[in-house]
Structure formats: C-alpha cells, structure tokens
N, C-alpha and C. Protein backbone atom coordinates (compact mmCIF):
# COMPACT_ATOMS: atom_id res chain seq x y z
N MET A 1 -18.88 74.50 -26.83
CA MET A 1 -18.54 73.14 -26.57
C MET A 1 -17.98 72.51 -27.84
N TYR A 2 -18.66 72.61 -28.93
CA TYR A 2 -18.16 72.10 -30.20
C TYR A 2 -17.38 73.20 -30.90
N PRO A 3 -16.42 72.81 -31.68
CA PRO A 3 -15.74 73.84 -32.46
C PRO A 3 -16.69 74.47 -33.47
N ASP A 4 -16.32 75.61 -33.99
CA ASP A 4 -17.21 76.39 -34.87
C ASP A 4 -17.50 75.69 -36.19
N HIS A 5 -16.62 74.91 -36.71
CA HIS A 5 -16.82 74.30 -38.03
C HIS A 5 -17.60 72.99 -37.95
N THR A 6 -17.93 72.43 -36.73
CA THR A 6 -18.67 71.17 -36.59
C THR A 6 -20.15 71.47 -36.48
N PRO A 7 -21.01 70.78 -37.28
CA PRO A 7 -22.45 71.02 -37.17
C PRO A 7 -22.99 70.47 -35.87
N GLN A 8 -24.01 71.07 -35.36
CA GLN A 8 -24.65 70.63 -34.13
C GLN A 8 -25.53 69.43 -34.42
N ARG A 9 -25.55 68.45 -33.51
CA ARG A 9 -26.40 67.28 -33.68
C ARG A 9 -27.40 67.25 -32.54
N ALA A 10 -28.54 66.67 -32.85
CA ALA A 10 -29.55 66.49 -31.80
C ALA A 10 -29.18 65.24 -31.00
N VAL A 11 -29.30 65.30 -29.71
CA VAL A 11 -28.94 64.18 -28.83
C VAL A 11 -30.22 63.55 -28.32
N GLU A 12 -30.30 62.23 -28.50
CA GLU A 12 -31.46 61.50 -27.97
C GLU A 12 -31.03 60.83 -26.67
N VAL A 13 -31.89 60.89 -25.68
CA VAL A 13 -31.62 60.24 -24.40
C VAL A 13 -32.57 59.07 -24.26
N HIS A 14 -32.04 57.89 -24.04
CA HIS A 14 -32.85 56.69 -23.86
C HIS A 14 -32.87 56.33 -22.39
N HIS A 15 -34.06 56.18 -21.86
CA HIS A 15 -34.22 55.74 -20.48
C HIS A 15 -34.67 54.29 -20.47
N PRO A 16 -34.06 53.43 -19.66
CA PRO A 16 -34.48 52.02 -19.63
C PRO A 16 -35.87 51.89 -19.02
N THR A 17 -36.60 50.96 -19.56
CA THR A 17 -37.96 50.70 -19.05
C THR A 17 -37.86 49.62 -17.99
N PRO A 18 -38.31 49.88 -16.79
CA PRO A 18 -38.21 48.85 -15.75
C PRO A 18 -39.14 47.68 -16.06
N ILE A 19 -38.66 46.46 -15.76
CA ILE A 19 -39.48 45.26 -15.94
C ILE A 19 -40.21 44.99 -14.65
N PRO A 20 -41.52 44.85 -14.73
CA PRO A 20 -42.26 44.60 -13.48
C PRO A 20 -41.96 43.19 -12.95
N PRO A 21 -41.92 43.04 -11.64
CA PRO A 21 -41.66 41.71 -11.07
C PRO A 21 -42.83 40.78 -11.38
N PRO A 22 -42.56 39.49 -11.51
CA PRO A 22 -43.65 38.56 -11.80
C PRO A 22 -44.60 38.46 -10.61
N VAL A 23 -45.85 38.30 -10.93
CA VAL A 23 -46.88 38.17 -9.89
C VAL A 23 -46.97 36.69 -9.52
N VAL A 24 -46.79 36.42 -8.22
CA VAL A 24 -46.84 35.04 -7.74
C VAL A 24 -48.19 34.82 -7.10
N HIS A 25 -48.93 33.84 -7.62
CA HIS A 25 -50.22 33.48 -7.03
C HIS A 25 -50.02 32.22 -6.20
N PRO A 26 -50.42 32.25 -4.95
CA PRO A 26 -50.25 31.03 -4.14
C PRO A 26 -51.15 29.92 -4.67
N ALA A 27 -50.63 28.71 -4.62
CA ALA A 27 -51.40 27.55 -5.09
C ALA A 27 -52.53 27.28 -4.10
N PRO A 28 -53.70 26.93 -4.61
CA PRO A 28 -54.80 26.65 -3.69
C PRO A 28 -54.53 25.37 -2.90
N VAL A 29 -54.91 25.39 -1.64
CA VAL A 29 -54.73 24.23 -0.77
C VAL A 29 -55.93 23.32 -0.96
N VAL A 30 -55.64 22.11 -1.37
CA VAL A 30 -56.72 21.14 -1.58
C VAL A 30 -56.55 20.04 -0.55
N PRO A 31 -57.55 19.82 0.26
CA PRO A 31 -57.42 18.74 1.25
C PRO A 31 -57.43 17.38 0.54
N VAL A 32 -56.56 16.51 1.01
CA VAL A 32 -56.45 15.17 0.44
C VAL A 32 -56.81 14.17 1.51
N GLN A 33 -57.70 13.28 1.16
CA GLN A 33 -58.10 12.24 2.10
C GLN A 33 -57.06 11.12 2.09
N PRO A 34 -56.72 10.59 3.27
CA PRO A 34 -55.80 9.47 3.29
C PRO A 34 -56.44 8.26 2.61
N GLY A 35 -55.60 7.37 2.13
CA GLY A 35 -56.10 6.18 1.44
C GLY A 35 -56.92 5.30 2.37
N THR A 36 -56.47 5.17 3.59
CA THR A 36 -57.22 4.37 4.58
C THR A 36 -57.35 5.20 5.84
N VAL A 37 -58.38 4.95 6.56
CA VAL A 37 -58.59 5.66 7.82
C VAL A 37 -57.79 4.93 8.89
N PRO A 38 -56.90 5.65 9.60
CA PRO A 38 -56.13 4.95 10.63
C PRO A 38 -57.02 4.49 11.77
N THR A 39 -56.61 3.39 12.38
CA THR A 39 -57.41 2.86 13.48
C THR A 39 -57.11 3.62 14.75
N VAL A 40 -58.12 3.73 15.56
CA VAL A 40 -57.99 4.42 16.84
C VAL A 40 -57.72 3.36 17.89
N ALA A 41 -56.69 3.60 18.71
CA ALA A 41 -56.33 2.64 19.75
C ALA A 41 -56.53 3.29 21.10
N SER A 42 -56.99 2.51 22.05
CA SER A 42 -57.15 2.97 23.43
C SER A 42 -56.28 2.11 24.32
N VAL A 43 -55.59 2.80 25.25
CA VAL A 43 -54.71 2.10 26.18
C VAL A 43 -55.14 2.50 27.58
N VAL A 44 -55.30 1.49 28.47
CA VAL A 44 -55.66 1.75 29.86
C VAL A 44 -54.38 1.76 30.66
N LEU A 45 -54.12 2.88 31.30
CA LEU A 45 -52.91 3.02 32.11
C LEU A 45 -53.12 2.33 33.46
N PRO A 46 -52.03 2.02 34.18
CA PRO A 46 -52.16 1.33 35.48
C PRO A 46 -52.99 2.12 36.51
N ASP A 47 -53.02 3.43 36.41
CA ASP A 47 -53.80 4.20 37.40
C ASP A 47 -55.26 4.33 36.98
N GLY A 48 -55.67 3.70 35.88
CA GLY A 48 -57.06 3.69 35.48
C GLY A 48 -57.41 4.67 34.39
N ARG A 49 -56.55 5.58 34.01
CA ARG A 49 -56.85 6.52 32.95
C ARG A 49 -56.81 5.82 31.60
N VAL A 50 -57.59 6.30 30.67
CA VAL A 50 -57.64 5.72 29.33
C VAL A 50 -57.06 6.75 28.36
N VAL A 51 -56.11 6.31 27.56
CA VAL A 51 -55.49 7.18 26.57
C VAL A 51 -55.92 6.64 25.21
N THR A 52 -56.50 7.53 24.39
CA THR A 52 -56.97 7.13 23.07
C THR A 52 -56.19 7.92 22.03
N GLY A 53 -55.80 7.25 20.94
CA GLY A 53 -55.06 7.94 19.89
C GLY A 53 -54.90 7.04 18.69
N TYR A 54 -54.27 7.60 17.71
CA TYR A 54 -54.02 6.84 16.48
C TYR A 54 -52.74 6.04 16.64
N ALA A 55 -52.77 4.83 16.11
CA ALA A 55 -51.56 3.99 16.12
C ALA A 55 -50.64 4.47 14.99
N ILE A 56 -49.41 4.66 15.31
CA ILE A 56 -48.43 5.13 14.32
C ILE A 56 -47.43 4.01 14.08
N ASP A 57 -47.21 3.72 12.82
CA ASP A 57 -46.21 2.70 12.48
C ASP A 57 -44.82 3.24 12.78
N ALA A 58 -43.98 2.35 13.25
CA ALA A 58 -42.60 2.74 13.53
C ALA A 58 -41.90 3.06 12.22
N VAL A 59 -41.02 4.02 12.29
CA VAL A 59 -40.28 4.41 11.10
C VAL A 59 -39.25 3.32 10.79
N ARG A 60 -39.35 2.78 9.61
CA ARG A 60 -38.41 1.73 9.22
C ARG A 60 -37.26 2.38 8.45
N PRO A 61 -36.03 1.98 8.76
CA PRO A 61 -34.90 2.56 8.03
C PRO A 61 -34.88 2.04 6.59
N GLU A 62 -34.21 2.81 5.76
CA GLU A 62 -34.07 2.41 4.37
C GLU A 62 -33.30 1.10 4.30
N PRO A 63 -33.71 0.21 3.42
CA PRO A 63 -32.96 -1.05 3.32
C PRO A 63 -31.55 -0.78 2.80
N VAL A 64 -30.62 -1.54 3.34
CA VAL A 64 -29.22 -1.39 2.94
C VAL A 64 -29.07 -1.99 1.55
N THR A 65 -28.51 -1.19 0.67
CA THR A 65 -28.32 -1.70 -0.68
C THR A 65 -27.16 -2.69 -0.68
N ALA A 66 -27.31 -3.74 -1.41
CA ALA A 66 -26.28 -4.77 -1.48
C ALA A 66 -25.06 -4.23 -2.21
N LYS A 67 -23.90 -4.62 -1.73
CA LYS A 67 -22.68 -4.19 -2.38
C LYS A 67 -22.60 -4.88 -3.73
N PRO A 68 -22.07 -4.19 -4.72
CA PRO A 68 -21.93 -4.84 -6.02
C PRO A 68 -20.94 -6.00 -5.93
N ALA A 69 -21.26 -7.06 -6.61
CA ALA A 69 -20.39 -8.23 -6.58
C ALA A 69 -19.06 -7.91 -7.26
N VAL A 70 -17.99 -8.45 -6.70
CA VAL A 70 -16.67 -8.26 -7.29
C VAL A 70 -16.47 -9.38 -8.31
N SER A 71 -16.03 -9.02 -9.47
CA SER A 71 -15.88 -10.03 -10.52
C SER A 71 -14.74 -10.98 -10.18
N ARG A 72 -14.86 -12.21 -10.67
CA ARG A 72 -13.82 -13.20 -10.44
C ARG A 72 -12.51 -12.78 -11.08
N MET A 73 -12.61 -12.14 -12.21
CA MET A 73 -11.39 -11.71 -12.90
C MET A 73 -10.61 -10.71 -12.05
N ALA A 74 -11.32 -9.77 -11.42
CA ALA A 74 -10.65 -8.78 -10.57
C ALA A 74 -9.98 -9.47 -9.38
N VAL A 75 -10.67 -10.45 -8.80
CA VAL A 75 -10.08 -11.19 -7.66
C VAL A 75 -8.85 -11.96 -8.12
N ASN A 76 -8.94 -12.59 -9.28
CA ASN A 76 -7.81 -13.37 -9.78
C ASN A 76 -6.61 -12.47 -10.10
N VAL A 77 -6.89 -11.30 -10.66
CA VAL A 77 -5.79 -10.37 -10.97
C VAL A 77 -5.13 -9.90 -9.68
N ALA A 78 -5.95 -9.59 -8.66
CA ALA A 78 -5.39 -9.12 -7.39
C ALA A 78 -4.57 -10.22 -6.72
N LEU A 79 -5.10 -11.45 -6.71
CA LEU A 79 -4.36 -12.55 -6.10
C LEU A 79 -3.09 -12.85 -6.89
N GLY A 80 -3.16 -12.75 -8.21
CA GLY A 80 -1.97 -12.96 -9.02
C GLY A 80 -0.90 -11.93 -8.73
N GLY A 81 -1.32 -10.67 -8.55
CA GLY A 81 -0.36 -9.62 -8.21
C GLY A 81 0.29 -9.86 -6.86
N VAL A 82 -0.51 -10.28 -5.88
CA VAL A 82 0.05 -10.57 -4.55
C VAL A 82 1.02 -11.74 -4.64
N GLY A 83 0.63 -12.77 -5.39
CA GLY A 83 1.53 -13.92 -5.55
C GLY A 83 2.82 -13.54 -6.24
N PHE A 84 2.71 -12.71 -7.28
CA PHE A 84 3.92 -12.28 -8.00
C PHE A 84 4.85 -11.50 -7.07
N LEU A 85 4.29 -10.60 -6.27
CA LEU A 85 5.12 -9.84 -5.32
C LEU A 85 5.76 -10.76 -4.29
N ALA A 86 5.02 -11.78 -3.86
CA ALA A 86 5.58 -12.72 -2.88
C ALA A 86 6.74 -13.50 -3.50
N VAL A 87 6.58 -13.94 -4.75
CA VAL A 87 7.66 -14.67 -5.42
C VAL A 87 8.88 -13.78 -5.61
N CYS A 88 8.65 -12.54 -6.04
CA CYS A 88 9.78 -11.61 -6.23
C CYS A 88 10.51 -11.36 -4.92
N GLY A 89 9.75 -11.17 -3.84
CA GLY A 89 10.38 -10.97 -2.53
C GLY A 89 11.16 -12.20 -2.09
N GLY A 90 10.58 -13.40 -2.33
CA GLY A 90 11.28 -14.63 -1.97
C GLY A 90 12.56 -14.81 -2.77
N LEU A 91 12.51 -14.49 -4.07
CA LEU A 91 13.72 -14.61 -4.88
C LEU A 91 14.79 -13.60 -4.43
N LEU A 92 14.35 -12.41 -4.05
CA LEU A 92 15.31 -11.42 -3.55
C LEU A 92 15.97 -11.91 -2.26
N LEU A 93 15.16 -12.48 -1.36
CA LEU A 93 15.73 -13.01 -0.12
C LEU A 93 16.65 -14.19 -0.40
N LEU A 94 16.25 -15.06 -1.35
CA LEU A 94 17.08 -16.21 -1.68
C LEU A 94 18.41 -15.76 -2.28
N THR A 95 18.37 -14.77 -3.16
CA THR A 95 19.60 -14.25 -3.75
C THR A 95 20.49 -13.64 -2.68
N SER A 96 19.92 -12.89 -1.77
CA SER A 96 20.71 -12.30 -0.69
C SER A 96 21.32 -13.39 0.20
N PHE A 97 20.53 -14.44 0.46
CA PHE A 97 21.02 -15.53 1.30
C PHE A 97 22.18 -16.25 0.62
N ILE A 98 22.06 -16.51 -0.69
CA ILE A 98 23.12 -17.19 -1.42
C ILE A 98 24.39 -16.33 -1.45
N ALA A 99 24.23 -15.03 -1.65
CA ALA A 99 25.40 -14.14 -1.65
C ALA A 99 26.08 -14.14 -0.29
N ALA A 100 25.29 -14.09 0.78
CA ALA A 100 25.87 -14.09 2.13
C ALA A 100 26.55 -15.43 2.41
N LEU A 101 25.93 -16.54 1.98
CA LEU A 101 26.53 -17.85 2.20
C LEU A 101 27.84 -18.00 1.42
N THR A 102 27.86 -17.49 0.19
CA THR A 102 29.09 -17.53 -0.60
C THR A 102 30.21 -16.73 0.07
N ALA A 103 29.89 -15.55 0.57
CA ALA A 103 30.90 -14.74 1.25
C ALA A 103 31.38 -15.44 2.52
N PHE A 104 30.48 -16.09 3.25
CA PHE A 104 30.86 -16.80 4.47
C PHE A 104 31.79 -17.98 4.15
N ILE A 105 31.46 -18.75 3.11
CA ILE A 105 32.31 -19.88 2.73
C ILE A 105 33.68 -19.38 2.26
N GLY A 106 33.69 -18.27 1.51
CA GLY A 106 34.98 -17.69 1.09
C GLY A 106 35.83 -17.28 2.28
N GLN A 107 35.21 -16.72 3.30
CA GLN A 107 35.95 -16.33 4.50
C GLN A 107 36.46 -17.56 5.25
N LEU A 108 35.65 -18.64 5.28
CA LEU A 108 36.12 -19.86 5.94
C LEU A 108 37.32 -20.46 5.21
N ILE A 109 37.27 -20.44 3.87
CA ILE A 109 38.40 -20.96 3.09
C ILE A 109 39.65 -20.11 3.34
N THR A 110 39.49 -18.81 3.36
CA THR A 110 40.63 -17.92 3.63
C THR A 110 41.19 -18.18 5.03
N LEU A 111 40.31 -18.35 6.01
CA LEU A 111 40.75 -18.63 7.37
C LEU A 111 41.51 -19.95 7.44
N ALA A 112 40.98 -20.97 6.75
CA ALA A 112 41.66 -22.28 6.75
C ALA A 112 43.02 -22.17 6.08
N ALA A 113 43.12 -21.41 4.98
CA ALA A 113 44.40 -21.24 4.29
C ALA A 113 45.41 -20.53 5.18
N VAL A 114 44.97 -19.52 5.90
CA VAL A 114 45.87 -18.78 6.79
C VAL A 114 46.35 -19.69 7.91
N ILE A 115 45.45 -20.45 8.51
CA ILE A 115 45.84 -21.33 9.62
C ILE A 115 46.77 -22.44 9.12
N PHE A 116 46.40 -23.07 7.99
CA PHE A 116 47.23 -24.15 7.46
C PHE A 116 48.58 -23.63 7.00
N GLY A 117 48.59 -22.45 6.36
CA GLY A 117 49.86 -21.85 5.94
C GLY A 117 50.73 -21.50 7.13
N GLY A 118 50.13 -21.01 8.18
CA GLY A 118 50.90 -20.70 9.40
C GLY A 118 51.47 -21.96 10.02
N TRP A 119 50.71 -23.04 10.02
CA TRP A 119 51.21 -24.30 10.58
C TRP A 119 52.40 -24.81 9.76
N ILE A 120 52.28 -24.72 8.43
CA ILE A 120 53.39 -25.16 7.56
C ILE A 120 54.61 -24.27 7.79
N ALA A 121 54.42 -22.97 7.90
CA ALA A 121 55.54 -22.06 8.13
C ALA A 121 56.23 -22.38 9.43
N VAL A 122 55.48 -22.69 10.46
CA VAL A 122 56.07 -23.04 11.75
C VAL A 122 56.87 -24.31 11.62
N GLN A 123 56.36 -25.28 10.90
CA GLN A 123 57.07 -26.55 10.74
C GLN A 123 58.37 -26.37 9.97
N VAL A 124 58.36 -25.56 8.92
CA VAL A 124 59.54 -25.39 8.09
C VAL A 124 60.59 -24.55 8.81
N LEU A 125 60.17 -23.49 9.48
CA LEU A 125 61.12 -22.54 10.05
C LEU A 125 61.62 -22.94 11.44
N SER A 126 61.04 -23.92 12.04
CA SER A 126 61.53 -24.30 13.37
C SER A 126 62.78 -25.17 13.21
N GLY A 127 63.85 -24.82 13.89
CA GLY A 127 65.13 -25.54 13.77
C GLY A 127 65.24 -26.68 14.75
N SER A 128 64.57 -26.65 15.83
CA SER A 128 64.69 -27.70 16.83
C SER A 128 63.66 -28.78 16.55
N GLY A 129 63.90 -29.93 17.08
CA GLY A 129 62.91 -30.98 16.89
C GLY A 129 63.53 -32.29 16.53
N HIS A 130 63.16 -32.92 15.46
CA HIS A 130 63.54 -34.28 15.09
C HIS A 130 64.97 -34.35 14.58
N THR A 131 65.47 -35.50 14.65
CA THR A 131 66.83 -35.72 14.17
C THR A 131 66.85 -36.08 12.69
N GLY A 132 65.78 -36.64 12.21
CA GLY A 132 65.73 -37.09 10.83
C GLY A 132 65.67 -35.93 9.85
N GLY A 133 64.97 -34.90 10.16
CA GLY A 133 64.83 -33.75 9.28
C GLY A 133 63.86 -34.03 8.15
N THR A 134 63.71 -33.08 7.29
CA THR A 134 62.79 -33.18 6.16
C THR A 134 63.59 -33.52 4.93
N THR A 135 63.15 -34.52 4.20
CA THR A 135 63.86 -34.95 2.99
C THR A 135 63.03 -34.58 1.79
N VAL A 136 63.67 -33.89 0.81
CA VAL A 136 62.99 -33.49 -0.40
C VAL A 136 63.80 -34.00 -1.58
N ASN A 137 63.23 -34.78 -2.47
CA ASN A 137 63.90 -35.28 -3.66
C ASN A 137 63.53 -34.39 -4.84
N ILE A 138 64.54 -33.69 -5.38
CA ILE A 138 64.32 -32.85 -6.53
C ILE A 138 65.35 -33.26 -7.57
N ARG A 139 64.94 -33.77 -8.72
CA ARG A 139 65.81 -34.18 -9.83
C ARG A 139 66.97 -35.08 -9.37
N ARG A 140 66.64 -36.08 -8.68
CA ARG A 140 67.60 -37.09 -8.20
C ARG A 140 68.63 -36.53 -7.22
N ALA A 141 68.40 -35.34 -6.78
CA ALA A 141 69.31 -34.80 -5.77
C ALA A 141 68.57 -34.85 -4.45
N VAL A 142 69.24 -35.10 -3.39
CA VAL A 142 68.64 -35.23 -2.08
C VAL A 142 69.14 -34.08 -1.22
N PHE A 143 68.23 -33.28 -0.73
CA PHE A 143 68.57 -32.21 0.20
C PHE A 143 68.13 -32.66 1.57
N LYS A 144 69.07 -32.77 2.50
CA LYS A 144 68.71 -33.20 3.84
C LYS A 144 69.30 -32.21 4.81
N ARG A 145 68.50 -31.48 5.45
CA ARG A 145 68.88 -30.48 6.45
C ARG A 145 69.99 -29.58 5.93
N ASN A 146 69.71 -28.96 4.81
CA ASN A 146 70.62 -27.99 4.20
C ASN A 146 71.97 -28.62 3.82
N HIS A 147 72.07 -29.92 3.65
CA HIS A 147 73.29 -30.57 3.19
C HIS A 147 72.98 -31.21 1.85
N PHE A 148 73.82 -30.91 0.87
CA PHE A 148 73.63 -31.49 -0.46
C PHE A 148 74.35 -32.82 -0.56
N HIS A 149 73.64 -33.87 -0.96
CA HIS A 149 74.25 -35.21 -1.18
C HIS A 149 73.96 -35.60 -2.60
N GLY A 150 74.98 -35.83 -3.41
CA GLY A 150 74.81 -36.08 -4.83
C GLY A 150 74.89 -37.46 -5.27
C-alpha cells in the first residue's frame, strides 16, 4: 500500500461517544384549592325535577382597546394637503376655462371680421344700385364712379 521508502505509521481510530438523552421527570401534580368555594344553585324545572349545579359566570369578551388619538398636527397636515390639492385643481380648471374662453372670443372676432368683410366686398363690387355712387376724397381729388374730376 505504501511505497517502500515511506515509513509505516500507526493509525488511531476514534469512535464518537454517544450522548445519553436527558432524563425527563414529570412534575408532581399538586392540587390547588380555589380562592372561593363556588355557590351551588338549584333550579326547579316545570315538570318538577330539580337540577343542582355550580353557577358559572358568563365569559366576558376582552375589552376593546381604545384607538390611539390622532394628533392635531397630523390632522392639520392632512387637511392642508387636501386644501392645497383642491386649490391646485381649481387653478387648473380656471386656467383651462380662461384658455377656452380666449379661443372662443378669438373665433367670434374672426367670424365677425369675415362677415363684415364680406358685406363690404358685396357693397363695393356690386355695380347696380344707387345713382349717387360712392364718393372718396383723396388729396383733393374726387373719384366718383370711376370718373376722375379734378
């Protein structure tokens, strides 16, 4: 197993020592007397039988713990945040309303200019109508129905 030039060594084998399980001793049962002796109650049933037994108190539920009070500062911060959001929303709506109103007024002005310009164009370009014609004085010259009078 070992080469010829290696010295032989003694091998020690270690076996683990098992640990014994702990011994469990049951606790002695000690009878405990109640603080007070419960009262015995007897009840007579309608058919005449008598039932005797101990009166048992009804189980009362745990009292509901009061909710911790909310600090005034927290309420004020929350209300301030809601108010701020309401103001921002109102300003956004107001800005949108003003922009829409401005666009509407601009369209009305454009419509009025188109209608008025069309009416003027019809008046100028129509050849039939009055006998007097349109008189325009420009630099002391009088133009009357395309006739120059100096």
